[in-house]
Amino acid sequence: MKCTSYFFNVISNKTRWKIILSLYEKDRYVKEICEDVKEEQSKVSHNLKILYDCSFVFYKKKGTKKTYYLNKKTVKPLLDIVQKHMSAFCKKECKKRC
């Protein structure tokens, strides 16, 4: 449980969270992620490296391009659980903050 705080620290960063949500929708190239999250390529690449190092995301390489995707074994199901929790238990006041 000692590393749990680092786990939550990684996903609490706004840019990394936007990247995670972007990849939740579909696999993407870096350029597509940049366009979707409206951030510069250097910032997205830096944050993808952190997400990759923590196994939140992986990539497939085709030539010089990398297609990034969410960890489908753990991260995607975790996001599904969070969504179910929010739908069932978050009150109106909590939802206003989203």
Protein backbone atom coordinates (compact mmCIF):
# COMPACT_ATOMS: atom_id res chain seq x y z
CA MET A 1 0.00 0.00 0.00
CA LYS A 2 3.03 2.28 0.32
CA CYS A 3 3.05 3.04 -3.42
CA THR A 4 -0.68 3.74 -3.55
CA SER A 5 -0.12 7.45 -3.02
CA TYR A 6 2.21 7.56 -6.04
CA PHE A 7 -0.46 5.79 -8.11
CA PHE A 8 -2.99 8.50 -7.27
CA ASN A 9 -0.40 11.22 -7.72
CA VAL A 10 0.20 10.03 -11.28
CA ILE A 11 -3.47 10.20 -12.24
CA SER A 12 -4.17 13.44 -10.35
CA ASN A 13 -2.16 15.45 -12.88
CA LYS A 14 -4.64 17.20 -15.22
CA THR A 15 -2.66 16.53 -18.39
CA ARG A 16 -2.16 12.86 -17.60
CA TRP A 17 -5.85 12.52 -16.69
CA LYS A 18 -6.86 14.08 -20.02
CA ILE A 19 -4.53 11.64 -21.81
CA ILE A 20 -6.06 8.69 -19.94
CA LEU A 21 -9.57 9.82 -20.87
CA SER A 22 -8.53 10.32 -24.48
CA LEU A 23 -7.12 6.80 -24.64
CA TYR A 24 -10.19 5.41 -22.90
CA GLU A 25 -12.12 6.35 -26.04
CA LYS A 26 -9.67 4.75 -28.49
CA ASP A 27 -6.02 4.00 -29.25
CA ARG A 28 -4.19 7.04 -30.63
CA TYR A 29 -0.95 8.36 -32.07
CA VAL A 30 0.82 11.13 -30.12
CA LYS A 31 -0.36 13.73 -32.64
CA GLU A 32 -3.98 12.62 -32.15
CA ILE A 33 -3.60 12.77 -28.37
CA CYS A 34 -2.17 16.31 -28.63
CA GLU A 35 -5.13 17.41 -30.72
CA ASP A 36 -7.64 15.74 -28.41
CA VAL A 37 -6.23 17.09 -25.14
CA LYS A 38 -5.18 20.43 -26.67
CA GLU A 39 -1.61 20.29 -25.38
CA GLU A 40 1.79 20.62 -27.05
CA GLN A 41 3.59 17.49 -28.21
CA SER A 42 6.48 17.88 -25.75
CA LYS A 43 4.10 18.06 -22.78
CA VAL A 44 2.07 15.08 -23.99
CA SER A 45 5.19 13.00 -24.65
CA HIS A 46 6.60 13.81 -21.21
CA ASN A 47 3.37 12.72 -19.54
CA LEU A 48 3.00 9.62 -21.74
CA LYS A 49 6.46 8.56 -20.53
CA ILE A 50 5.29 8.77 -16.91
CA LEU A 51 2.09 6.86 -17.71
CA TYR A 52 4.11 4.26 -19.62
CA ASP A 53 6.66 3.84 -16.81
CA CYS A 54 3.77 3.13 -14.42
CA SER A 55 2.07 0.76 -16.94
CA PHE A 56 -1.04 2.91 -17.26
CA VAL A 57 -0.45 2.93 -21.00
CA PHE A 58 1.41 0.83 -23.53
CA TYR A 59 2.25 1.36 -27.18
CA LYS A 60 2.57 -0.55 -30.43
CA LYS A 61 5.28 0.63 -32.79
CA LYS A 62 4.75 0.74 -36.56
CA GLY A 63 7.81 2.15 -38.30
CA THR A 64 8.51 5.44 -36.60
CA LYS A 65 5.00 5.89 -35.18
CA LYS A 66 3.72 4.67 -31.83
CA THR A 67 0.08 3.95 -31.17
CA TYR A 68 -0.69 4.39 -27.48
CA TYR A 69 -3.42 2.48 -25.68
CA LEU A 70 -4.65 2.07 -22.11
CA ASN A 71 -3.72 -0.90 -20.02
CA LYS A 72 -6.83 -2.95 -20.79
CA LYS A 73 -6.15 -5.48 -18.04
CA THR A 74 -6.23 -3.06 -15.09
CA VAL A 75 -6.67 0.62 -15.93
CA LYS A 76 -9.69 0.38 -18.22
CA PRO A 77 -11.64 -1.83 -15.74
CA LEU A 78 -10.66 0.54 -12.92
CA LEU A 79 -12.10 3.49 -14.85
CA ASP A 80 -15.28 1.50 -15.45
CA ILE A 81 -15.58 0.88 -11.69
CA VAL A 82 -15.05 4.59 -10.97
CA GLN A 83 -17.80 5.47 -13.45
CA LYS A 84 -20.19 2.94 -11.84
CA HIS A 85 -19.39 4.36 -8.40
CA MET A 86 -20.04 7.91 -9.54
CA SER A 87 -23.32 6.97 -11.19
CA ALA A 88 -24.55 5.11 -8.11
CA PHE A 89 -23.21 7.20 -5.24
CA CYS A 90 -22.16 10.70 -6.23
CA LYS A 91 -24.72 13.26 -5.18
CA LYS A 92 -25.74 16.29 -7.21
CA GLU A 93 -23.17 18.50 -5.44
CA CYS A 94 -20.34 16.13 -6.32
CA LYS A 95 -21.44 15.92 -9.95
CA LYS A 96 -21.51 19.73 -10.23
CA ARG A 97 -17.75 19.77 -9.62
CA CYS A 98 -17.04 17.46 -12.56
